[in-house]
Amino acid sequence: MAKVEIYTTPWCGYCARAKALLDSKGAAYDEMDVMEDAEKRNEMRTRSRRSTVPQIFINGQHVGGSDELHELDRAGKLDPLLAEPG
């Protein structure tokens, strides 16, 4: 199973949507709340070059946010990514 990391904040609808998709796939993920953690937020910005949440990484590869994650799923590319060993 792939290593999935997701940077989130509480009350973020896009974060909830992305996590719901990952949950529906049975994917385990490490969630990092960046709301009050400046160090994690800076880490997210450095890794993704973006400041919005969620930011999602699969096996270290930045896949984007919720919309990009759902697009990967629609294109049939998410399941193979999640099946790769982490």
C-alpha atoms as a PDB file:
ATOM      1  CA  MET A   1       0.000   0.000   0.000  1.00  0.00           C
ATOM      2  CA  ALA A   2       1.230   3.483  -0.854  1.00  0.00           C
ATOM      3  CA  LYS A   3       2.364   6.033   1.701  1.00  0.00           C
ATOM      4  CA  VAL A   4      -0.203   8.831   1.614  1.00  0.00           C
ATOM      5  CA  GLU A   5       0.298  12.163   3.362  1.00  0.00           C
ATOM      6  CA  ILE A   6      -2.331  14.882   3.506  1.00  0.00           C
ATOM      7  CA  TYR A   7      -1.946  18.372   4.932  1.00  0.00           C
ATOM      8  CA  THR A   8      -5.278  19.667   6.239  1.00  0.00           C
ATOM      9  CA  THR A   9      -7.070  22.102   8.500  1.00  0.00           C
ATOM     10  CA  PRO A  10     -10.223  21.520  10.538  1.00  0.00           C
ATOM     11  CA  TRP A  11     -13.476  22.687   8.949  1.00  0.00           C
ATOM     12  CA  CYS A  12     -12.034  22.470   5.431  1.00  0.00           C
ATOM     13  CA  GLY A  13     -14.643  21.038   3.076  1.00  0.00           C
ATOM     14  CA  TYR A  14     -12.078  20.166   0.412  1.00  0.00           C
ATOM     15  CA  CYS A  15     -10.002  18.328   3.034  1.00  0.00           C
ATOM     16  CA  ALA A  16     -13.055  16.339   4.122  1.00  0.00           C
ATOM     17  CA  ARG A  17     -13.850  15.519   0.492  1.00  0.00           C
ATOM     18  CA  ALA A  18     -10.303  14.296  -0.191  1.00  0.00           C
ATOM     19  CA  LYS A  19     -10.223  12.206   2.992  1.00  0.00           C
ATOM     20  CA  ALA A  20     -13.627  10.700   2.152  1.00  0.00           C
ATOM     21  CA  LEU A  21     -12.304   9.567  -1.232  1.00  0.00           C
ATOM     22  CA  LEU A  22      -9.188   8.072   0.348  1.00  0.00           C
ATOM     23  CA  ASP A  23     -11.336   6.380   3.002  1.00  0.00           C
ATOM     24  CA  SER A  24     -13.593   4.922   0.300  1.00  0.00           C
ATOM     25  CA  LYS A  25     -10.487   3.413  -1.306  1.00  0.00           C
ATOM     26  CA  GLY A  26      -9.365   1.919   2.015  1.00  0.00           C
ATOM     27  CA  ALA A  27      -6.189   4.006   1.865  1.00  0.00           C
ATOM     28  CA  ALA A  28      -4.371   4.707   5.103  1.00  0.00           C
ATOM     29  CA  TYR A  29      -2.943   8.201   5.320  1.00  0.00           C
ATOM     30  CA  ASP A  30      -0.923  10.412   7.617  1.00  0.00           C
ATOM     31  CA  GLU A  31      -2.894  13.595   8.261  1.00  0.00           C
ATOM     32  CA  MET A  32      -1.052  16.729   9.292  1.00  0.00           C
ATOM     33  CA  ASP A  33      -3.153  19.594  10.647  1.00  0.00           C
ATOM     34  CA  VAL A  34      -1.451  22.845   9.662  1.00  0.00           C
ATOM     35  CA  MET A  35      -4.005  25.201  11.225  1.00  0.00           C
ATOM     36  CA  GLU A  36      -1.929  26.095  14.273  1.00  0.00           C
ATOM     37  CA  ASP A  37       1.362  24.435  13.367  1.00  0.00           C
ATOM     38  CA  ALA A  38       3.543  26.975  11.553  1.00  0.00           C
ATOM     39  CA  GLU A  39       6.346  24.444  11.101  1.00  0.00           C
ATOM     40  CA  LYS A  40       4.064  21.928   9.342  1.00  0.00           C
ATOM     41  CA  ARG A  41       2.487  24.731   7.242  1.00  0.00           C
ATOM     42  CA  ASN A  42       5.964  25.842   6.120  1.00  0.00           C
ATOM     43  CA  GLU A  43       6.849  22.227   5.352  1.00  0.00           C
ATOM     44  CA  MET A  44       3.677  21.931   3.250  1.00  0.00           C
ATOM     45  CA  ARG A  45       4.459  25.145   1.348  1.00  0.00           C
ATOM     46  CA  THR A  46       8.031  24.050   0.687  1.00  0.00           C
ATOM     47  CA  ARG A  47       7.037  20.586  -0.528  1.00  0.00           C
ATOM     48  CA  SER A  48       4.004  21.582  -2.608  1.00  0.00           C
ATOM     49  CA  ARG A  49       4.816  25.187  -3.533  1.00  0.00           C
ATOM     50  CA  ARG A  50       1.190  25.910  -2.605  1.00  0.00           C
ATOM     51  CA  SER A  51      -0.412  27.509   0.437  1.00  0.00           C
ATOM     52  CA  THR A  52      -3.921  26.052   0.285  1.00  0.00           C
ATOM     53  CA  VAL A  53      -5.187  22.842   1.857  1.00  0.00           C
ATOM     54  CA  PRO A  54      -5.437  20.010   1.314  1.00  0.00           C
ATOM     55  CA  GLN A  55      -2.092  19.156  -0.214  1.00  0.00           C
ATOM     56  CA  ILE A  56      -1.713  15.463  -0.919  1.00  0.00           C
ATOM     57  CA  PHE A  57       1.389  13.354  -1.493  1.00  0.00           C
ATOM     58  CA  ILE A  58       1.440   9.718  -2.578  1.00  0.00           C
ATOM     59  CA  ASN A  59       4.800   7.977  -2.105  1.00  0.00           C
ATOM     60  CA  GLY A  60       6.432  11.384  -1.864  1.00  0.00           C
ATOM     61  CA  GLN A  61       4.934  12.608  -5.146  1.00  0.00           C
ATOM     62  CA  HIS A  62       2.776  15.720  -4.917  1.00  0.00           C
ATOM     63  CA  VAL A  63      -0.580  15.000  -6.537  1.00  0.00           C
ATOM     64  CA  GLY A  64      -2.215  18.323  -5.643  1.00  0.00           C
ATOM     65  CA  GLY A  65      -5.380  19.070  -3.763  1.00  0.00           C
ATOM     66  CA  SER A  66      -8.860  17.586  -3.591  1.00  0.00           C
ATOM     67  CA  ASP A  67      -9.824  18.445  -7.167  1.00  0.00           C
ATOM     68  CA  GLU A  68      -6.663  16.859  -8.565  1.00  0.00           C
ATOM     69  CA  LEU A  69      -7.151  13.758  -6.393  1.00  0.00           C
ATOM     70  CA  HIS A  70     -10.700  13.337  -7.698  1.00  0.00           C
ATOM     71  CA  GLU A  71      -9.512  13.888 -11.277  1.00  0.00           C
ATOM     72  CA  LEU A  72      -6.934  11.102 -10.838  1.00  0.00           C
ATOM     73  CA  ASP A  73      -9.772   8.866  -9.665  1.00  0.00           C
ATOM     74  CA  ARG A  74     -12.024   9.773 -12.615  1.00  0.00           C
ATOM     75  CA  ALA A  75      -9.146   9.064 -15.004  1.00  0.00           C
ATOM     76  CA  GLY A  76      -8.574   5.631 -13.428  1.00  0.00           C
ATOM     77  CA  LYS A  77      -5.100   6.617 -12.200  1.00  0.00           C
ATOM     78  CA  LEU A  78      -5.676   6.806  -8.440  1.00  0.00           C
ATOM     79  CA  ASP A  79      -6.081   3.101  -7.694  1.00  0.00           C
ATOM     80  CA  PRO A  80      -2.745   2.168  -9.344  1.00  0.00           C
ATOM     81  CA  LEU A  81      -0.978   4.928  -7.394  1.00  0.00           C
ATOM     82  CA  LEU A  82      -2.491   3.717  -4.137  1.00  0.00           C
ATOM     83  CA  ALA A  83      -1.490   0.125  -4.917  1.00  0.00           C
ATOM     84  CA  GLU A  84       2.213   0.980  -5.275  1.00  0.00           C
ATOM     85  CA  PRO A  85       4.324   0.025  -2.270  1.00  0.00           C
ATOM     86  CA  GLY A  86       5.277   2.962  -0.079  1.00  0.00           C
END
